[in-house]
Amino acid sequence: MSAAAFDKIARSYLKDPAVSTGRMFGSEGLKINGKVFAMVVKGDLVVKLPAERCSSLVEKGHARPFDPGHGRLMKEWVAVPPSRARDWRRLANEAHAFVGSG
């Protein structure tokens, strides 16, 4: 389910010439202007958002801090489980705007 949900989101973004695909943390992700903003890692949607927004999502139980596998949590990245797939598009939109503005 997670791959299909992400693929649907990815197809809509890839209509934008500023969006491409690329690898980060060993996963294929969506990039805006060369920087990854969303990807699926181990079935979770992983998005880059402001640190405060990430903390809020974690505190609400909607996401967990993202660890790319080297024991160091990434403060501007969260992992959103498939059980919250209804939020994936909205969070991908937030990540797209956040990364695209920088």
N, C-alpha and C. Protein backbone atom coordinates (compact mmCIF):
# COMPACT_ATOMS: atom_id res chain seq x y z
N MET A 1 0.82 -1.21 0.00
CA MET A 1 0.00 0.00 0.00
C MET A 1 0.85 1.26 0.00
N SER A 2 1.92 1.29 0.80
CA SER A 2 2.72 2.50 0.90
C SER A 2 3.38 2.87 -0.42
N ALA A 3 3.88 1.88 -1.15
CA ALA A 3 4.52 2.17 -2.44
C ALA A 3 3.49 2.72 -3.42
N ALA A 4 2.31 2.14 -3.45
CA ALA A 4 1.27 2.61 -4.37
C ALA A 4 0.81 4.02 -4.01
N ALA A 5 0.66 4.29 -2.72
CA ALA A 5 0.25 5.63 -2.29
C ALA A 5 1.31 6.66 -2.66
N PHE A 6 2.58 6.32 -2.45
CA PHE A 6 3.65 7.25 -2.80
C PHE A 6 3.75 7.43 -4.32
N ASP A 7 3.59 6.35 -5.07
CA ASP A 7 3.65 6.44 -6.53
C ASP A 7 2.59 7.40 -7.07
N LYS A 8 1.42 7.36 -6.49
CA LYS A 8 0.34 8.25 -6.93
C LYS A 8 0.73 9.71 -6.66
N ILE A 9 1.28 9.96 -5.49
CA ILE A 9 1.74 11.31 -5.15
C ILE A 9 2.87 11.72 -6.09
N ALA A 10 3.81 10.82 -6.31
CA ALA A 10 4.97 11.12 -7.17
C ALA A 10 4.53 11.46 -8.58
N ARG A 11 3.60 10.71 -9.13
CA ARG A 11 3.13 10.98 -10.51
C ARG A 11 2.61 12.41 -10.64
N SER A 12 1.90 12.88 -9.64
CA SER A 12 1.36 14.25 -9.73
C SER A 12 2.48 15.28 -9.67
N TYR A 13 3.49 15.05 -8.84
CA TYR A 13 4.60 16.00 -8.73
C TYR A 13 5.49 15.99 -9.97
N LEU A 14 5.65 14.84 -10.60
CA LEU A 14 6.57 14.74 -11.72
C LEU A 14 6.06 15.44 -12.98
N LYS A 15 4.84 15.97 -12.93
CA LYS A 15 4.33 16.82 -14.02
C LYS A 15 5.00 18.19 -13.98
N ASP A 16 5.58 18.55 -12.84
CA ASP A 16 6.26 19.84 -12.65
C ASP A 16 7.72 19.68 -13.10
N PRO A 17 8.19 20.49 -14.06
CA PRO A 17 9.57 20.35 -14.53
C PRO A 17 10.64 20.61 -13.46
N ALA A 18 10.28 21.28 -12.37
CA ALA A 18 11.24 21.54 -11.29
C ALA A 18 11.41 20.33 -10.38
N VAL A 19 10.53 19.33 -10.54
CA VAL A 19 10.57 18.13 -9.69
C VAL A 19 11.16 16.97 -10.49
N SER A 20 12.05 16.24 -9.82
CA SER A 20 12.67 15.06 -10.42
C SER A 20 12.76 13.98 -9.36
N THR A 21 13.34 12.85 -9.72
CA THR A 21 13.57 11.79 -8.75
C THR A 21 15.06 11.67 -8.51
N GLY A 22 15.41 11.13 -7.36
CA GLY A 22 16.80 10.91 -7.03
C GLY A 22 16.91 10.10 -5.76
N ARG A 23 18.11 9.65 -5.47
CA ARG A 23 18.33 8.80 -4.31
C ARG A 23 18.90 9.59 -3.13
N MET A 24 18.43 9.21 -1.95
CA MET A 24 18.94 9.77 -0.70
C MET A 24 18.66 8.74 0.38
N PHE A 25 19.61 8.53 1.27
CA PHE A 25 19.47 7.54 2.34
C PHE A 25 19.12 6.16 1.77
N GLY A 26 19.58 5.87 0.56
CA GLY A 26 19.34 4.57 -0.05
C GLY A 26 17.95 4.38 -0.63
N SER A 27 17.16 5.43 -0.70
CA SER A 27 15.79 5.33 -1.22
C SER A 27 15.60 6.31 -2.36
N GLU A 28 14.68 5.96 -3.25
CA GLU A 28 14.31 6.85 -4.34
C GLU A 28 13.33 7.88 -3.79
N GLY A 29 13.57 9.14 -4.10
CA GLY A 29 12.71 10.19 -3.58
C GLY A 29 12.37 11.23 -4.60
N LEU A 30 11.57 12.18 -4.19
CA LEU A 30 11.19 13.32 -5.02
C LEU A 30 12.07 14.50 -4.66
N LYS A 31 12.55 15.19 -5.68
CA LYS A 31 13.43 16.34 -5.49
C LYS A 31 12.81 17.58 -6.12
N ILE A 32 13.02 18.70 -5.48
CA ILE A 32 12.67 20.00 -6.06
C ILE A 32 13.97 20.78 -6.16
N ASN A 33 14.25 21.27 -7.34
CA ASN A 33 15.49 22.01 -7.58
C ASN A 33 16.72 21.26 -7.05
N GLY A 34 16.72 19.94 -7.23
CA GLY A 34 17.87 19.12 -6.86
C GLY A 34 17.93 18.65 -5.42
N LYS A 35 16.95 19.00 -4.59
CA LYS A 35 16.97 18.61 -3.17
C LYS A 35 15.76 17.73 -2.86
N VAL A 36 16.01 16.60 -2.18
CA VAL A 36 14.94 15.66 -1.84
C VAL A 36 14.00 16.29 -0.81
N PHE A 37 12.70 16.11 -1.06
CA PHE A 37 11.71 16.60 -0.08
C PHE A 37 10.81 15.48 0.43
N ALA A 38 10.71 14.36 -0.29
CA ALA A 38 9.86 13.26 0.15
C ALA A 38 10.36 11.95 -0.45
N MET A 39 10.23 10.86 0.34
CA MET A 39 10.62 9.53 -0.14
C MET A 39 9.95 8.50 0.75
N VAL A 40 9.98 7.26 0.31
CA VAL A 40 9.47 6.16 1.13
C VAL A 40 10.68 5.36 1.60
N VAL A 41 10.75 5.16 2.91
CA VAL A 41 11.82 4.37 3.52
C VAL A 41 11.16 3.33 4.43
N LYS A 42 11.38 2.08 4.12
CA LYS A 42 10.82 0.97 4.92
C LYS A 42 9.31 1.12 5.10
N GLY A 43 8.62 1.56 4.05
CA GLY A 43 7.17 1.68 4.07
C GLY A 43 6.61 2.96 4.62
N ASP A 44 7.45 3.80 5.21
CA ASP A 44 7.01 5.08 5.76
C ASP A 44 7.28 6.21 4.77
N LEU A 45 6.42 7.20 4.75
CA LEU A 45 6.72 8.42 4.01
C LEU A 45 7.67 9.23 4.86
N VAL A 46 8.80 9.61 4.29
CA VAL A 46 9.78 10.43 5.00
C VAL A 46 9.81 11.78 4.29
N VAL A 47 9.57 12.85 5.06
CA VAL A 47 9.51 14.19 4.49
C VAL A 47 10.40 15.14 5.27
N LYS A 48 10.88 16.16 4.54
CA LYS A 48 11.69 17.21 5.16
C LYS A 48 10.78 18.41 5.43
N LEU A 49 10.74 18.80 6.70
CA LEU A 49 9.91 19.91 7.15
C LEU A 49 10.70 20.72 8.17
N PRO A 50 10.23 21.93 8.49
CA PRO A 50 10.92 22.68 9.54
C PRO A 50 10.97 21.86 10.84
N ALA A 51 12.03 22.02 11.59
CA ALA A 51 12.24 21.25 12.82
C ALA A 51 11.05 21.36 13.78
N GLU A 52 10.46 22.54 13.88
CA GLU A 52 9.33 22.73 14.80
C GLU A 52 8.12 21.91 14.35
N ARG A 53 7.90 21.86 13.04
CA ARG A 53 6.79 21.08 12.50
C ARG A 53 7.03 19.59 12.74
N CYS A 54 8.26 19.15 12.55
CA CYS A 54 8.60 17.75 12.82
C CYS A 54 8.32 17.41 14.28
N SER A 55 8.76 18.27 15.18
CA SER A 55 8.53 18.04 16.62
C SER A 55 7.04 17.94 16.92
N SER A 56 6.25 18.81 16.32
CA SER A 56 4.81 18.81 16.54
C SER A 56 4.18 17.50 16.06
N LEU A 57 4.57 17.03 14.88
CA LEU A 57 4.03 15.78 14.36
C LEU A 57 4.40 14.60 15.25
N VAL A 58 5.62 14.60 15.76
CA VAL A 58 6.06 13.53 16.66
C VAL A 58 5.29 13.59 17.97
N GLU A 59 5.15 14.79 18.54
CA GLU A 59 4.42 14.95 19.81
C GLU A 59 2.97 14.49 19.69
N LYS A 60 2.35 14.71 18.53
CA LYS A 60 0.96 14.30 18.32
C LYS A 60 0.83 12.81 18.01
N GLY A 61 1.96 12.14 17.81
CA GLY A 61 1.93 10.72 17.49
C GLY A 61 1.65 10.43 16.03
N HIS A 62 1.76 11.44 15.17
CA HIS A 62 1.48 11.27 13.74
C HIS A 62 2.71 10.84 12.96
N ALA A 63 3.88 10.95 13.57
CA ALA A 63 5.14 10.62 12.91
C ALA A 63 6.16 10.27 13.98
N ARG A 64 7.30 9.80 13.53
CA ARG A 64 8.41 9.58 14.46
C ARG A 64 9.66 10.20 13.86
N PRO A 65 10.62 10.52 14.70
CA PRO A 65 11.86 11.10 14.19
C PRO A 65 12.50 10.13 13.18
N PHE A 66 13.13 10.67 12.16
CA PHE A 66 13.76 9.83 11.14
C PHE A 66 15.24 9.63 11.44
N ASP A 67 15.62 8.35 11.45
CA ASP A 67 17.02 7.95 11.60
C ASP A 67 17.39 7.22 10.32
N PRO A 68 18.29 7.78 9.51
CA PRO A 68 18.65 7.13 8.25
C PRO A 68 19.47 5.85 8.43
N GLY A 69 19.73 5.46 9.67
CA GLY A 69 20.40 4.20 9.91
C GLY A 69 21.76 4.30 10.55
N HIS A 70 22.18 5.49 10.89
CA HIS A 70 23.50 5.62 11.52
C HIS A 70 23.40 6.10 12.96
N GLY A 71 22.18 5.99 13.54
CA GLY A 71 22.00 6.32 14.94
C GLY A 71 21.86 7.80 15.25
N ARG A 72 21.75 8.63 14.23
CA ARG A 72 21.62 10.07 14.44
C ARG A 72 20.28 10.53 13.86
N LEU A 73 19.39 11.01 14.73
CA LEU A 73 18.09 11.48 14.26
C LEU A 73 18.27 12.77 13.46
N MET A 74 17.49 12.88 12.39
CA MET A 74 17.55 14.05 11.53
C MET A 74 16.46 15.03 12.00
N LYS A 75 16.85 16.21 12.46
CA LYS A 75 15.88 17.11 13.10
C LYS A 75 14.86 17.70 12.13
N GLU A 76 15.16 17.74 10.84
CA GLU A 76 14.20 18.28 9.87
C GLU A 76 13.55 17.20 9.02
N TRP A 77 13.58 15.96 9.48
CA TRP A 77 12.98 14.85 8.75
C TRP A 77 12.13 14.03 9.72
N VAL A 78 10.96 13.59 9.25
CA VAL A 78 10.12 12.68 10.03
C VAL A 78 9.66 11.53 9.14
N ALA A 79 9.36 10.41 9.78
CA ALA A 79 8.82 9.23 9.11
C ALA A 79 7.36 9.09 9.50
N VAL A 80 6.50 9.07 8.48
CA VAL A 80 5.06 8.99 8.70
C VAL A 80 4.60 7.60 8.26
N PRO A 81 4.03 6.81 9.18
CA PRO A 81 3.69 5.42 8.85
C PRO A 81 2.51 5.32 7.88
N PRO A 82 2.39 4.16 7.22
CA PRO A 82 1.26 3.94 6.31
C PRO A 82 -0.10 4.10 6.97
N SER A 83 -0.17 3.88 8.28
CA SER A 83 -1.46 4.06 8.98
C SER A 83 -1.93 5.52 8.92
N ARG A 84 -1.02 6.44 8.60
CA ARG A 84 -1.36 7.87 8.46
C ARG A 84 -1.30 8.28 7.00
N ALA A 85 -1.46 7.33 6.07
CA ALA A 85 -1.36 7.61 4.63
C ALA A 85 -2.33 8.70 4.19
N ARG A 86 -3.41 8.88 4.92
CA ARG A 86 -4.35 9.94 4.56
C ARG A 86 -3.70 11.32 4.68
N ASP A 87 -2.61 11.42 5.43
CA ASP A 87 -1.90 12.70 5.61
C ASP A 87 -0.74 12.86 4.63
N TRP A 88 -0.40 11.80 3.90
CA TRP A 88 0.81 11.83 3.10
C TRP A 88 0.84 12.95 2.07
N ARG A 89 -0.23 13.15 1.32
CA ARG A 89 -0.22 14.17 0.28
C ARG A 89 -0.04 15.57 0.91
N ARG A 90 -0.76 15.83 1.98
CA ARG A 90 -0.65 17.14 2.64
C ARG A 90 0.77 17.37 3.14
N LEU A 91 1.36 16.35 3.74
CA LEU A 91 2.73 16.50 4.25
C LEU A 91 3.74 16.61 3.11
N ALA A 92 3.51 15.89 2.02
CA ALA A 92 4.39 16.03 0.86
C ALA A 92 4.28 17.46 0.30
N ASN A 93 3.07 18.01 0.30
CA ASN A 93 2.88 19.40 -0.16
C ASN A 93 3.66 20.36 0.73
N GLU A 94 3.58 20.15 2.05
CA GLU A 94 4.33 21.01 2.98
C GLU A 94 5.83 20.88 2.73
N ALA A 95 6.30 19.65 2.54
CA ALA A 95 7.72 19.43 2.31
C ALA A 95 8.16 20.06 0.99
N HIS A 96 7.36 19.93 -0.03
CA HIS A 96 7.65 20.52 -1.34
C HIS A 96 7.81 22.05 -1.19
N ALA A 97 6.88 22.66 -0.49
CA ALA A 97 6.94 24.12 -0.29
C ALA A 97 8.15 24.51 0.55
N PHE A 98 8.43 23.75 1.61
CA PHE A 98 9.55 24.05 2.49
C PHE A 98 10.89 23.93 1.76
N VAL A 99 11.13 22.82 1.11
CA VAL A 99 12.40 22.60 0.43
C VAL A 99 12.51 23.50 -0.80
N GLY A 100 11.40 23.70 -1.49
CA GLY A 100 11.40 24.54 -2.68
C GLY A 100 11.64 26.01 -2.41
N SER A 101 11.36 26.43 -1.17
CA SER A 101 11.54 27.85 -0.84
C SER A 101 12.98 28.17 -0.46
N GLY A 102 13.79 27.12 -0.19
CA GLY A 102 15.16 27.34 0.27
C GLY A 102 16.07 27.39 -0.84
